[in-house]
N, C-alpha and C. Protein backbone atom coordinates (compact mmCIF):
# COMPACT_ATOMS: atom_id res chain seq x y z
N MET A 1 -3.87 -14.93 21.85
CA MET A 1 -5.32 -15.12 22.32
C MET A 1 -5.77 -17.02 23.25
N THR A 2 -6.36 -17.30 23.34
CA THR A 2 -7.17 -18.50 24.20
C THR A 2 -7.39 -19.10 22.48
N VAL A 3 -7.47 -20.31 22.80
CA VAL A 3 -9.26 -21.21 21.49
C VAL A 3 -9.85 -20.41 21.20
N GLY A 4 -10.04 -20.32 22.26
CA GLY A 4 -12.03 -19.70 22.63
C GLY A 4 -12.18 -18.73 21.90
N GLU A 5 -10.75 -17.47 22.39
CA GLU A 5 -10.77 -16.45 21.41
C GLU A 5 -10.97 -15.99 20.07
N ILE A 6 -10.05 -17.12 19.31
CA ILE A 6 -9.47 -17.45 18.56
C ILE A 6 -10.83 -17.98 17.43
N ALA A 7 -11.71 -19.15 18.34
CA ALA A 7 -12.66 -18.92 17.77
C ALA A 7 -13.79 -18.32 17.59
N LYS A 8 -13.69 -17.43 17.91
CA LYS A 8 -14.73 -16.68 18.22
C LYS A 8 -14.84 -15.67 17.27
N LYS A 9 -13.37 -15.44 17.18
CA LYS A 9 -12.88 -14.85 15.60
C LYS A 9 -13.39 -14.85 14.49
N LEU A 10 -12.87 -15.98 14.16
CA LEU A 10 -13.04 -16.76 13.35
C LEU A 10 -15.22 -16.98 12.47
N CYS A 11 -15.71 -17.68 14.05
CA CYS A 11 -16.66 -17.77 13.72
C CYS A 11 -17.91 -16.08 14.11
N SER A 12 -17.14 -15.07 13.37
CA SER A 12 -17.75 -13.97 13.21
C SER A 12 -17.43 -13.22 11.32
N THR A 13 -16.60 -14.71 10.78
CA THR A 13 -16.71 -14.05 9.87
C THR A 13 -16.95 -14.80 8.96
N GLU A 14 -17.49 -14.35 7.42
CA GLU A 14 -19.31 -15.41 7.23
C GLU A 14 -18.48 -16.11 6.51
N LEU A 15 -17.24 -17.12 6.18
CA LEU A 15 -16.95 -18.37 6.04
C LEU A 15 -17.23 -19.63 7.41
N PHE A 16 -16.84 -18.90 8.15
CA PHE A 16 -16.85 -20.07 9.27
C PHE A 16 -17.33 -19.81 10.60
N LYS A 17 -18.58 -18.90 9.84
CA LYS A 17 -19.73 -18.76 11.03
C LYS A 17 -20.39 -19.86 11.17
N GLY A 18 -20.82 -20.49 12.10
CA GLY A 18 -21.86 -22.02 12.30
C GLY A 18 -21.08 -22.94 12.24
N ILE A 19 -19.06 -23.11 12.12
CA ILE A 19 -18.58 -24.19 11.86
C ILE A 19 -18.59 -24.78 13.88
N LYS A 20 -18.91 -26.54 13.75
CA LYS A 20 -18.77 -27.16 14.42
C LYS A 20 -17.86 -27.99 15.00
N GLY A 21 -17.53 -27.65 16.05
CA GLY A 21 -16.12 -28.78 16.11
C GLY A 21 -15.10 -27.49 15.87
N LEU A 22 -14.64 -26.02 15.79
CA LEU A 22 -14.18 -25.44 15.46
C LEU A 22 -12.50 -25.42 16.73
N GLU A 23 -13.01 -25.65 17.89
CA GLU A 23 -11.86 -25.57 18.95
C GLU A 23 -11.60 -26.47 18.86
N GLU A 24 -11.86 -27.06 18.38
CA GLU A 24 -11.39 -29.25 18.52
C GLU A 24 -9.85 -29.07 17.52
N ILE A 25 -10.72 -28.07 16.12
CA ILE A 25 -9.90 -28.27 14.94
C ILE A 25 -8.78 -27.21 15.30
N ILE A 26 -9.17 -26.12 15.92
CA ILE A 26 -7.62 -24.88 15.90
C ILE A 26 -6.78 -25.80 17.35
N GLN A 27 -7.18 -26.44 18.66
CA GLN A 27 -6.15 -26.85 19.45
C GLN A 27 -5.22 -27.85 18.49
N SER A 28 -5.19 -28.94 17.37
CA SER A 28 -5.57 -29.90 16.00
C SER A 28 -4.52 -29.51 15.19
N PHE A 29 -4.49 -27.98 15.01
CA PHE A 29 -3.53 -27.14 14.39
C PHE A 29 -3.26 -26.53 14.79
N PRO A 30 -2.50 -26.20 15.78
CA PRO A 30 -2.39 -24.39 16.70
C PRO A 30 -1.79 -23.33 15.81
N PRO A 31 -2.33 -22.31 15.00
CA PRO A 31 -2.03 -21.08 14.48
C PRO A 31 -1.11 -20.41 15.06
N THR A 32 -0.26 -19.69 14.76
CA THR A 32 0.86 -19.01 14.46
C THR A 32 0.29 -17.45 14.20
N GLU A 33 0.84 -16.50 15.47
CA GLU A 33 -0.23 -15.16 16.15
C GLU A 33 0.91 -13.52 15.51
N ILE A 34 1.26 -13.39 14.17
CA ILE A 34 1.80 -12.78 14.08
C ILE A 34 1.37 -10.76 14.12
N THR A 35 2.45 -10.38 14.66
CA THR A 35 2.42 -8.87 15.32
C THR A 35 3.04 -8.26 14.24
N LEU A 36 2.95 -6.50 13.51
CA LEU A 36 3.59 -5.83 13.05
C LEU A 36 3.33 -3.84 13.29
N SER A 37 4.05 -3.71 13.61
CA SER A 37 4.39 -2.03 13.66
C SER A 37 4.02 -1.47 12.72
N SER A 38 3.52 -0.66 12.59
CA SER A 38 3.02 0.08 11.72
C SER A 38 4.37 0.69 10.63
N GLY A 39 3.82 -0.11 9.56
CA GLY A 39 5.05 0.54 8.26
C GLY A 39 5.35 -0.81 7.71
N GLU A 40 5.37 -2.45 8.43
CA GLU A 40 6.29 -3.20 8.64
C GLU A 40 4.59 -4.40 7.57
N ARG A 41 6.32 -4.91 6.69
CA ARG A 41 5.28 -5.29 5.82
C ARG A 41 5.76 -6.67 6.27
N TYR A 42 5.05 -7.70 5.37
CA TYR A 42 4.22 -9.49 5.46
C TYR A 42 3.95 -10.37 4.20
N GLU A 43 4.36 -11.29 4.11
CA GLU A 43 3.46 -11.61 2.74
C GLU A 43 3.63 -13.49 3.59
N ILE A 44 2.00 -13.42 2.83
CA ILE A 44 1.31 -14.74 2.95
C ILE A 44 1.25 -15.75 2.76
N LYS A 45 2.11 -17.02 2.27
CA LYS A 45 2.71 -17.45 1.42
C LYS A 45 1.68 -19.54 2.61
N ASN A 46 0.75 -20.04 1.49
CA ASN A 46 0.21 -21.34 2.30
C ASN A 46 -0.21 -21.14 3.97
N SER A 47 -0.81 -19.93 3.90
CA SER A 47 -1.80 -20.28 5.67
C SER A 47 -2.96 -19.25 4.66
N LEU A 48 -3.99 -18.90 5.48
CA LEU A 48 -4.96 -17.99 5.75
C LEU A 48 -5.36 -17.77 6.80
N ALA A 49 -5.00 -16.42 6.62
CA ALA A 49 -4.27 -15.36 7.31
C ALA A 49 -5.49 -14.88 8.18
N LEU A 50 -5.88 -15.02 9.47
CA LEU A 50 -7.09 -13.25 10.32
C LEU A 50 -7.05 -12.64 10.91
N PHE A 51 -7.38 -11.52 9.92
CA PHE A 51 -6.55 -10.12 9.62
C PHE A 51 -7.81 -9.79 11.66
N CYS A 52 -6.82 -9.73 12.96
CA CYS A 52 -7.27 -9.56 13.87
C CYS A 52 -7.78 -8.10 14.80
N LYS A 53 -6.17 -7.01 14.24
CA LYS A 53 -6.45 -6.34 14.85
C LYS A 53 -5.20 -5.35 14.00
N GLY A 54 -6.16 -3.62 13.77
CA GLY A 54 -5.07 -2.75 12.98
C GLY A 54 -5.80 -2.97 11.56
N LYS A 55 -4.94 -1.82 10.49
CA LYS A 55 -5.30 -1.20 9.53
C LYS A 55 -3.88 -1.31 8.50
N ALA A 56 -3.99 -2.18 7.62
CA ALA A 56 -3.22 -2.16 6.33
C ALA A 56 -3.90 -2.25 4.80
N ASP A 57 -2.27 -2.45 3.88
CA ASP A 57 -2.77 -2.06 2.88
C ASP A 57 -2.12 -3.46 2.08
N ILE A 58 -3.16 -3.67 0.89
CA ILE A 58 -2.86 -4.96 0.50
C ILE A 58 -2.28 -4.58 -1.33
N VAL A 59 -1.32 -4.74 -1.22
CA VAL A 59 -0.75 -4.29 -2.89
C VAL A 59 0.36 -5.54 -3.46
N LYS A 60 0.32 -5.01 -4.46
CA LYS A 60 1.08 -6.03 -5.18
C LYS A 60 2.22 -5.40 -6.22
N GLU A 61 3.63 -6.52 -5.65
CA GLU A 61 4.53 -5.45 -6.32
C GLU A 61 5.04 -6.76 -7.44
N SER A 62 5.41 -5.71 -8.32
CA SER A 62 6.16 -6.36 -9.82
C SER A 62 7.55 -5.56 -9.83
N ASP A 63 8.37 -6.45 -10.10
CA ASP A 63 9.46 -5.49 -10.26
C ASP A 63 9.67 -4.10 -9.29
N SER A 64 9.61 -2.66 -9.57
CA SER A 64 9.64 -2.02 -9.12
C SER A 64 8.77 -1.56 -8.52
N ARG A 65 7.35 -2.26 -9.18
CA ARG A 65 5.72 -0.96 -9.05
C ARG A 65 4.84 -1.33 -7.92
N ILE A 66 4.90 -0.65 -7.44
CA ILE A 66 3.74 -1.63 -6.44
C ILE A 66 2.51 -1.17 -6.73
N ALA A 67 1.71 -2.46 -7.28
CA ALA A 67 0.18 -1.35 -7.14
C ALA A 67 -0.65 -1.60 -6.18
N TYR A 68 -1.89 -0.72 -5.65
CA TYR A 68 -2.42 -0.80 -4.06
C TYR A 68 -3.35 -1.83 -4.84
N MET A 69 -4.02 -2.58 -3.58
CA MET A 69 -5.29 -4.09 -4.59
C MET A 69 -6.46 -3.51 -3.34
N LYS A 70 -6.12 -3.04 -1.98
CA LYS A 70 -6.99 -2.71 -1.59
C LYS A 70 -6.75 -2.31 0.12
N THR A 71 -7.71 -2.09 1.09
CA THR A 71 -7.29 -1.51 2.66
C THR A 71 -8.19 -3.08 2.93
N VAL A 72 -7.23 -3.39 3.74
CA VAL A 72 -8.13 -4.17 5.48
C VAL A 72 -8.36 -3.90 7.11
N LYS A 73 -9.21 -4.36 7.47
CA LYS A 73 -9.41 -3.98 8.52
C LYS A 73 -9.92 -5.19 9.23
N ASP A 74 -10.32 -5.86 10.50
CA ASP A 74 -10.03 -6.26 11.25
C ASP A 74 -11.24 -7.18 11.05
N THR A 75 -10.93 -8.45 10.62
CA THR A 75 -12.00 -9.94 10.75
C THR A 75 -11.96 -9.94 9.36
N THR A 76 -10.98 -9.74 8.44
CA THR A 76 -10.20 -9.74 6.83
C THR A 76 -10.13 -10.93 7.45
N LEU A 77 -10.24 -11.99 5.77
CA LEU A 77 -9.63 -13.37 5.87
C LEU A 77 -8.41 -13.36 4.52
N LEU A 78 -7.13 -13.19 4.35
CA LEU A 78 -6.54 -12.98 3.60
C LEU A 78 -6.03 -14.47 3.27
N GLY A 79 -4.95 -14.54 2.21
CA GLY A 79 -3.76 -15.76 2.01
C GLY A 79 -5.16 -16.57 1.09
N LEU A 80 -6.18 -16.73 1.02
CA LEU A 80 -6.99 -18.14 0.29
C LEU A 80 -6.26 -18.38 -1.03
N ALA A 81 -5.70 -17.48 -1.89
CA ALA A 81 -5.01 -17.48 -3.32
C ALA A 81 -3.50 -17.82 -3.31
N THR A 82 -2.95 -18.30 -1.55
CA THR A 82 -2.33 -19.23 -1.86
C THR A 82 -1.70 -20.34 -1.01
N LEU A 83 -3.32 -20.88 -0.63
CA LEU A 83 -3.47 -22.59 -0.47
C LEU A 83 -3.32 -23.53 -0.89
N PHE A 84 -2.82 -24.68 -0.79
CA PHE A 84 -2.37 -26.24 -1.36
C PHE A 84 -1.85 -25.06 -2.99
N SER A 85 -0.93 -24.77 -2.59
CA SER A 85 -0.18 -24.37 -4.11
C SER A 85 1.22 -24.34 -4.32
N LYS A 86 2.03 -25.25 -4.40
CA LYS A 86 3.45 -25.35 -4.67
C LYS A 86 3.84 -23.76 -5.70
N GLU A 87 3.37 -22.93 -5.39
CA GLU A 87 4.22 -22.17 -6.18
C GLU A 87 5.24 -20.96 -5.05
N SER A 88 5.83 -20.96 -5.44
CA SER A 88 6.54 -19.76 -3.79
C SER A 88 6.88 -18.78 -4.60
N GLU A 89 6.04 -18.35 -5.59
CA GLU A 89 5.89 -16.14 -5.40
C GLU A 89 5.00 -16.17 -4.47
N TYR A 90 5.32 -15.12 -4.29
CA TYR A 90 4.13 -14.54 -3.09
C TYR A 90 3.19 -13.62 -4.24
N ILE A 91 2.09 -14.12 -3.57
CA ILE A 91 -0.06 -12.87 -4.16
C ILE A 91 0.45 -11.96 -3.98
N SER A 92 1.50 -11.17 -2.39
CA SER A 92 -0.05 -9.75 -2.77
C SER A 92 1.48 -9.48 -1.35
N THR A 93 1.90 -8.51 -1.23
CA THR A 93 2.42 -8.02 0.25
C THR A 93 0.96 -6.72 1.46
N LEU A 94 1.19 -7.60 2.90
CA LEU A 94 0.52 -6.08 2.93
C LEU A 94 1.63 -5.53 4.36
N ILE A 95 1.08 -4.22 3.74
CA ILE A 95 1.74 -3.44 4.82
C ILE A 95 0.82 -3.08 5.76
N ALA A 96 1.27 -2.75 6.99
CA ALA A 96 0.53 -2.64 7.76
C ALA A 96 0.82 -0.82 8.10
N LYS A 97 -0.64 0.20 8.69
CA LYS A 97 -1.00 0.55 8.35
C LYS A 97 -0.91 1.75 9.70
N THR A 98 -1.47 0.52 10.84
CA THR A 98 -1.19 0.99 12.68
C THR A 98 -1.13 -0.32 13.41
N ASP A 99 -0.36 -0.91 14.49
CA ASP A 99 0.07 -1.82 15.18
C ASP A 99 -0.99 -2.82 14.51
N THR A 100 -0.99 -4.02 14.25
CA THR A 100 -1.06 -5.25 13.55
C THR A 100 -1.30 -6.66 14.09
N GLN A 101 -2.04 -6.95 13.62
CA GLN A 101 -2.16 -8.74 14.75
C GLN A 101 -2.66 -9.50 13.44
N LEU A 102 -2.38 -10.29 13.51
CA LEU A 102 -2.80 -10.90 12.51
C LEU A 102 -2.35 -12.97 13.32
N ILE A 103 -3.36 -13.59 13.05
CA ILE A 103 -2.99 -15.26 12.75
C ILE A 103 -3.56 -16.29 12.13
N LEU A 104 -2.16 -16.58 11.38
CA LEU A 104 -2.17 -18.01 10.15
C LEU A 104 -2.29 -18.88 10.70
N PHE A 105 -3.27 -19.17 10.49
CA PHE A 105 -4.03 -20.82 9.73
C PHE A 105 -3.59 -22.13 8.96
N SER A 106 -3.14 -23.30 9.27
CA SER A 106 -2.09 -23.53 8.28
C SER A 106 -3.11 -24.07 7.14
N GLU A 107 -2.64 -25.01 6.50
CA GLU A 107 -3.19 -25.97 5.07
C GLU A 107 -4.04 -26.64 5.45
N GLY A 108 -3.43 -27.62 6.52
CA GLY A 108 -3.74 -28.73 7.57
C GLY A 108 -5.45 -28.56 8.30
N PHE A 109 -5.48 -27.19 8.79
CA PHE A 109 -6.46 -26.86 10.02
C PHE A 109 -6.95 -26.43 8.61
N VAL A 110 -7.36 -25.62 6.69
CA VAL A 110 -8.34 -25.17 6.56
C VAL A 110 -8.75 -26.87 5.53
N GLU A 111 -8.17 -27.43 5.17
CA GLU A 111 -8.16 -29.06 4.77
C GLU A 111 -8.68 -29.86 6.11
N ALA A 112 -8.91 -29.80 7.43
CA ALA A 112 -9.55 -30.81 8.52
C ALA A 112 -10.95 -29.76 8.30
N VAL A 113 -11.32 -28.59 8.67
CA VAL A 113 -11.91 -27.68 7.96
C VAL A 113 -13.06 -29.02 7.32
N ILE A 114 -12.13 -28.55 5.87
CA ILE A 114 -13.05 -28.96 4.85
C ILE A 114 -13.76 -30.31 5.20
N LYS A 115 -13.20 -31.08 5.61
CA LYS A 115 -13.11 -32.83 6.21
C LYS A 115 -14.69 -32.56 6.75
N ALA A 116 -14.92 -31.58 7.88
CA ALA A 116 -15.41 -30.98 8.95
C ALA A 116 -17.56 -30.73 8.39
N ASP A 117 -16.78 -30.30 7.73
CA ASP A 117 -18.28 -29.25 7.13
C ASP A 117 -18.56 -29.04 5.45
N ALA A 118 -19.54 -29.52 5.32
CA ALA A 118 -19.77 -29.61 3.92
C ALA A 118 -19.96 -28.07 3.52
N ASP A 119 -20.82 -27.30 5.07
CA ASP A 119 -21.27 -25.91 4.37
C ASP A 119 -19.63 -25.14 3.79
N PHE A 120 -19.51 -25.66 4.96
CA PHE A 120 -17.91 -24.49 4.68
C PHE A 120 -16.99 -24.66 3.52
N SER A 121 -17.24 -25.58 2.92
CA SER A 121 -16.84 -26.40 2.31
C SER A 121 -17.20 -25.01 0.36
N LEU A 122 -18.75 -25.36 0.32
CA LEU A 122 -19.91 -23.89 -0.58
C LEU A 122 -19.31 -22.90 -0.30
N ARG A 123 -18.72 -22.64 1.41
CA ARG A 123 -18.84 -21.44 0.97
C ARG A 123 -17.23 -20.91 0.81
N LEU A 124 -16.62 -21.52 0.82
CA LEU A 124 -14.98 -21.79 0.13
C LEU A 124 -14.95 -21.68 -1.37
N VAL A 125 -15.54 -22.19 -1.63
CA VAL A 125 -15.73 -22.17 -3.50
C VAL A 125 -16.54 -20.52 -3.64
N THR A 126 -17.58 -20.84 -3.13
CA THR A 126 -18.64 -19.04 -2.99
C THR A 126 -17.76 -18.11 -3.20
N LEU A 127 -17.27 -17.72 -2.36
CA LEU A 127 -15.41 -16.75 -2.27
C LEU A 127 -14.78 -16.90 -3.69
N LEU A 128 -14.25 -17.97 -3.32
CA LEU A 128 -13.27 -18.16 -4.39
C LEU A 128 -13.73 -17.84 -5.76
N CYS A 129 -15.21 -18.29 -6.15
CA CYS A 129 -15.31 -17.54 -7.35
C CYS A 129 -15.68 -16.29 -7.29
N GLN A 130 -16.28 -15.69 -6.12
CA GLN A 130 -16.09 -14.20 -6.13
C GLN A 130 -15.04 -13.48 -6.10
N LYS A 131 -13.83 -13.83 -5.39
CA LYS A 131 -12.69 -13.49 -5.62
C LYS A 131 -12.42 -13.37 -7.41
N VAL A 132 -12.85 -14.90 -8.45
CA VAL A 132 -12.49 -14.59 -9.92
C VAL A 132 -13.32 -12.71 -10.56
N ARG A 133 -14.22 -13.56 -10.19
CA ARG A 133 -15.47 -11.83 -11.05
C ARG A 133 -14.16 -10.78 -10.13
N TYR A 134 -13.78 -10.69 -8.47
CA TYR A 134 -12.90 -9.73 -8.78
C TYR A 134 -12.10 -9.29 -9.63
N LEU A 135 -11.21 -9.93 -9.82
CA LEU A 135 -10.30 -10.48 -10.65
C LEU A 135 -10.52 -10.21 -12.04
N ASN A 136 -11.31 -10.45 -12.42
CA ASN A 136 -11.72 -10.81 -13.81
C ASN A 136 -11.49 -8.95 -14.16
N ARG A 137 -12.96 -8.03 -13.13
CA ARG A 137 -13.13 -6.79 -13.23
C ARG A 137 -11.98 -6.38 -12.85
N ARG A 138 -11.04 -6.36 -12.60
CA ARG A 138 -9.37 -5.75 -12.17
C ARG A 138 -8.97 -5.82 -13.76
N ILE A 139 -9.57 -7.39 -14.09
CA ILE A 139 -8.77 -7.10 -15.73
C ILE A 139 -9.21 -5.79 -16.65
N ASP A 140 -10.38 -5.40 -16.23
CA ASP A 140 -11.24 -5.10 -17.20
C ASP A 140 -10.30 -2.90 -16.47
N PHE A 141 -10.39 -3.17 -15.85
CA PHE A 141 -9.65 -1.91 -15.47
C PHE A 141 -8.38 -1.35 -16.65
N TYR A 142 -7.77 -2.50 -16.11
CA TYR A 142 -6.40 -2.07 -17.32
C TYR A 142 -6.28 -2.72 -19.00
N THR A 143 -7.06 -3.49 -19.85
CA THR A 143 -7.80 -3.28 -21.00
C THR A 143 -8.45 -2.34 -21.37
N CYS A 144 -9.22 -1.46 -20.57
CA CYS A 144 -10.06 -0.49 -21.15
C CYS A 144 -8.66 0.99 -21.74
N GLN A 145 -8.94 1.38 -23.12
CA GLN A 145 -8.13 2.50 -24.06
C GLN A 145 -7.13 3.51 -23.45
N GLY A 146 -8.48 4.45 -22.57
CA GLY A 146 -7.48 5.29 -22.95
C GLY A 146 -7.77 5.77 -20.67
N ALA A 147 -6.88 6.56 -20.23
CA ALA A 147 -7.39 6.92 -19.07
C ALA A 147 -9.43 7.27 -18.46
N GLU A 148 -9.57 7.89 -19.18
CA GLU A 148 -11.01 8.13 -19.17
C GLU A 148 -12.29 7.06 -19.05
N GLU A 149 -11.50 6.76 -19.47
CA GLU A 149 -12.30 5.58 -19.96
C GLU A 149 -11.93 3.91 -18.35
N LYS A 150 -11.06 4.45 -18.47
CA LYS A 150 -10.08 3.29 -16.93
C LYS A 150 -10.99 4.15 -15.92
N VAL A 151 -11.48 5.04 -15.48
CA VAL A 151 -11.14 5.75 -14.42
C VAL A 151 -12.87 5.89 -14.13
N HIS A 152 -13.46 5.83 -15.30
CA HIS A 152 -14.60 5.70 -15.58
C HIS A 152 -15.98 4.45 -15.09
N GLU A 153 -14.36 2.86 -15.55
CA GLU A 153 -15.21 1.98 -15.23
C GLU A 153 -14.65 1.55 -13.97
N PHE A 154 -13.55 2.06 -13.15
CA PHE A 154 -13.71 1.63 -12.27
C PHE A 154 -14.56 2.80 -11.33
N LEU A 155 -15.00 3.56 -11.20
CA LEU A 155 -15.35 4.14 -9.79
C LEU A 155 -17.34 3.52 -9.78
N HIS A 156 -17.76 3.00 -11.41
CA HIS A 156 -18.76 2.46 -11.60
C HIS A 156 -18.49 1.20 -10.35
N ARG A 157 -17.53 0.33 -10.60
CA ARG A 157 -17.22 -1.38 -10.46
C ARG A 157 -17.21 -0.89 -8.98
N THR A 158 -16.54 0.25 -8.00
CA THR A 158 -16.02 0.41 -6.72
C THR A 158 -16.76 1.08 -5.83
N ALA A 159 -17.66 1.58 -6.34
CA ALA A 159 -18.85 3.30 -5.48
C ALA A 159 -19.66 1.79 -4.36
N ASP A 160 -20.16 2.67 -4.11
CA ASP A 160 -21.36 2.19 -3.07
C ASP A 160 -22.79 1.90 -3.01
N ALA A 161 -23.67 1.88 -2.63
CA ALA A 161 -24.96 1.37 -3.00
C ALA A 161 -25.32 2.95 -3.52
N ASP A 162 -25.01 4.09 -2.69
CA ASP A 162 -25.12 4.85 -4.00
C ASP A 162 -24.61 5.96 -3.94
N GLY A 163 -23.19 5.04 -4.70
CA GLY A 163 -22.97 5.96 -6.09
C GLY A 163 -21.12 6.56 -5.36
N ILE A 164 -21.45 6.29 -4.06
CA ILE A 164 -20.41 7.20 -3.51
C ILE A 164 -18.94 6.78 -3.51
N ILE A 165 -17.59 6.99 -3.74
CA ILE A 165 -16.44 6.27 -3.68
C ILE A 165 -15.61 7.41 -2.82
N THR A 166 -14.80 7.24 -1.93
CA THR A 166 -13.91 7.91 -0.31
C THR A 166 -12.76 7.52 -0.95
N MET A 167 -11.82 7.91 -2.11
CA MET A 167 -10.38 7.63 -1.72
C MET A 167 -9.39 8.79 -1.65
N SER A 168 -7.98 8.76 -1.68
CA SER A 168 -7.32 9.39 -1.99
C SER A 168 -7.44 9.90 -4.07
N MET A 169 -6.94 10.63 -4.37
CA MET A 169 -5.90 10.98 -5.16
C MET A 169 -4.76 9.75 -5.96
N SER A 170 -3.92 10.00 -4.90
CA SER A 170 -2.84 8.75 -4.70
C SER A 170 -3.23 7.66 -4.47
N LYS A 171 -4.48 7.35 -3.69
CA LYS A 171 -4.28 6.20 -4.14
C LYS A 171 -5.17 5.41 -5.32
N MET A 172 -5.54 6.09 -6.17
CA MET A 172 -6.42 5.88 -6.22
C MET A 172 -5.28 5.75 -8.18
N SER A 173 -4.71 6.58 -8.43
CA SER A 173 -3.52 6.37 -9.22
C SER A 173 -2.78 5.12 -9.09
N GLU A 174 -2.64 4.99 -7.86
CA GLU A 174 -1.33 3.25 -7.61
C GLU A 174 -2.38 2.25 -8.01
N THR A 175 -3.77 2.50 -7.41
CA THR A 175 -4.87 1.34 -7.93
C THR A 175 -4.97 1.17 -9.57
N LEU A 176 -4.97 2.46 -10.05
CA LEU A 176 -5.66 1.58 -11.76
C LEU A 176 -4.07 1.59 -12.38
N GLY A 177 -2.74 2.37 -11.80
CA GLY A 177 -1.83 2.21 -12.63
C GLY A 177 -1.22 3.33 -13.46
N ILE A 178 -2.47 4.87 -13.53
CA ILE A 178 -2.00 5.87 -13.98
C ILE A 178 -1.63 7.02 -13.34
N ALA A 179 -0.40 7.65 -14.13
CA ALA A 179 -0.33 9.39 -13.43
C ALA A 179 -1.39 9.80 -12.90
N ARG A 180 -1.12 10.48 -11.81
CA ARG A 180 -2.05 11.49 -10.86
C ARG A 180 -2.17 11.84 -12.14
N ALA A 181 -1.27 13.09 -12.65
CA ALA A 181 -1.63 14.27 -13.69
C ALA A 181 -3.00 14.03 -14.42
N SER A 182 -2.76 12.87 -15.49
CA SER A 182 -3.77 11.77 -16.15
C SER A 182 -4.49 11.42 -15.43
N LEU A 183 -4.79 10.79 -13.41
CA LEU A 183 -6.37 10.18 -13.33
C LEU A 183 -6.69 11.86 -12.94
N TYR A 184 -6.07 13.06 -12.97
CA TYR A 184 -7.07 14.55 -12.41
C TYR A 184 -7.44 15.19 -13.65
N ARG A 185 -6.89 15.14 -15.13
CA ARG A 185 -7.51 15.40 -16.11
C ARG A 185 -9.10 14.91 -16.66
N ALA A 186 -9.13 13.01 -15.89
CA ALA A 186 -10.11 12.21 -16.53
C ALA A 186 -10.98 12.08 -15.51
N LEU A 187 -11.06 12.84 -13.95
CA LEU A 187 -11.46 13.07 -13.53
C LEU A 187 -12.12 14.20 -13.43
N THR A 188 -11.78 14.92 -13.82
CA THR A 188 -11.73 16.82 -14.59
C THR A 188 -13.02 16.10 -16.00
N ALA A 189 -12.28 15.64 -16.85
CA ALA A 189 -13.35 15.51 -18.04
C ALA A 189 -14.94 14.89 -17.41
N LEU A 190 -14.95 13.83 -17.19
CA LEU A 190 -15.91 13.29 -16.40
C LEU A 190 -17.07 13.64 -15.30
N GLU A 191 -16.19 14.46 -14.72
CA GLU A 191 -16.90 16.26 -13.81
C GLU A 191 -17.88 17.08 -14.82
N ASP A 192 -17.00 17.20 -15.84
CA ASP A 192 -17.36 17.85 -16.93
C ASP A 192 -18.44 17.58 -18.04
N LYS A 193 -18.91 16.28 -17.91
CA LYS A 193 -20.09 15.79 -18.50
C LYS A 193 -21.46 14.96 -17.93
N GLY A 194 -21.31 15.34 -15.99
CA GLY A 194 -21.36 15.23 -15.20
C GLY A 194 -22.08 13.94 -15.33
N CYS A 195 -21.04 13.51 -15.57
CA CYS A 195 -20.73 11.40 -14.51
C CYS A 195 -21.08 11.30 -13.31
N MET A 196 -20.49 13.27 -12.49
CA MET A 196 -19.73 12.71 -11.04
C MET A 196 -19.43 14.07 -10.64
N VAL A 197 -19.53 14.59 -9.40
CA VAL A 197 -19.72 15.61 -8.49
C VAL A 197 -18.00 14.66 -7.53
N ARG A 198 -17.51 15.99 -8.09
CA ARG A 198 -15.61 15.28 -6.69
C ARG A 198 -16.20 16.91 -5.61
N ASN A 199 -15.61 16.12 -3.94
CA ASN A 199 -15.51 17.11 -2.96
C ASN A 199 -14.65 16.13 -2.16
N GLY A 200 -13.25 17.10 -2.07
CA GLY A 200 -11.96 16.68 -1.64
C GLY A 200 -11.76 14.94 -2.45
N LYS A 201 -11.88 13.65 -0.80
CA LYS A 201 -11.39 12.91 -1.37
C LYS A 201 -12.69 11.56 -1.41
N LYS A 202 -14.45 12.66 -1.65
CA LYS A 202 -14.89 12.19 -1.90
C LYS A 202 -15.16 11.96 -3.79
N ILE A 203 -16.20 11.18 -3.77
CA ILE A 203 -16.44 11.54 -5.05
C ILE A 203 -18.23 10.51 -5.01
N GLN A 204 -19.09 11.39 -6.01
CA GLN A 204 -20.36 11.18 -6.32
C GLN A 204 -20.88 11.18 -7.52
N LEU A 205 -20.87 9.41 -7.69
CA LEU A 205 -21.71 9.02 -8.91
C LEU A 205 -23.09 9.83 -9.70
N ILE A 206 -23.13 10.06 -10.76
CA ILE A 206 -24.58 10.63 -10.77
C ILE A 206 -25.18 10.42 -11.94
N LYS A 207 -26.02 9.54 -11.91
CA LYS A 207 -26.85 8.12 -12.26
C LYS A 207 -27.95 9.31 -13.32
């Protein structure tokens, strides 16, 4: 991709919207393009990654267990938690579901943008605070007492404005870290109580 194309892609994200002199900063800190085929894995470290093409799952690996975090698509920014850290541990792993393209920006690039634009700094802090709140919600899922409570909490946190969640049972099981049998029992119990209605992968919460 050309510098202009990369700058246009970056500016389509909320974080980089309206940044002045972005092309010059990109030229000073040339990014790296990464392409992955379906099924290939990549661990982002000490870089900000712009997901430019395709679809991929973000997972967290711990020992032999893999926990699904989210699915990402075009113009998603990844790797914020890996910036400006001396830690060698990877935060999360990206697994491509289709042919995928990433553009990696160095810490030097991010530092240059911070120095060039005060509004960017504020948006960056805001985004990081949102991620902290997201992680706190994830902690809520894992500290719930039983499977039914955990599933109920997850559904309310994940539903869109219309109270709808669309996710396969296997993906939900991975996300919550509970067995599929327990997940089915919890969903059945919630449905029996009138909390939700299931239709395949679609779940409609009832207020």
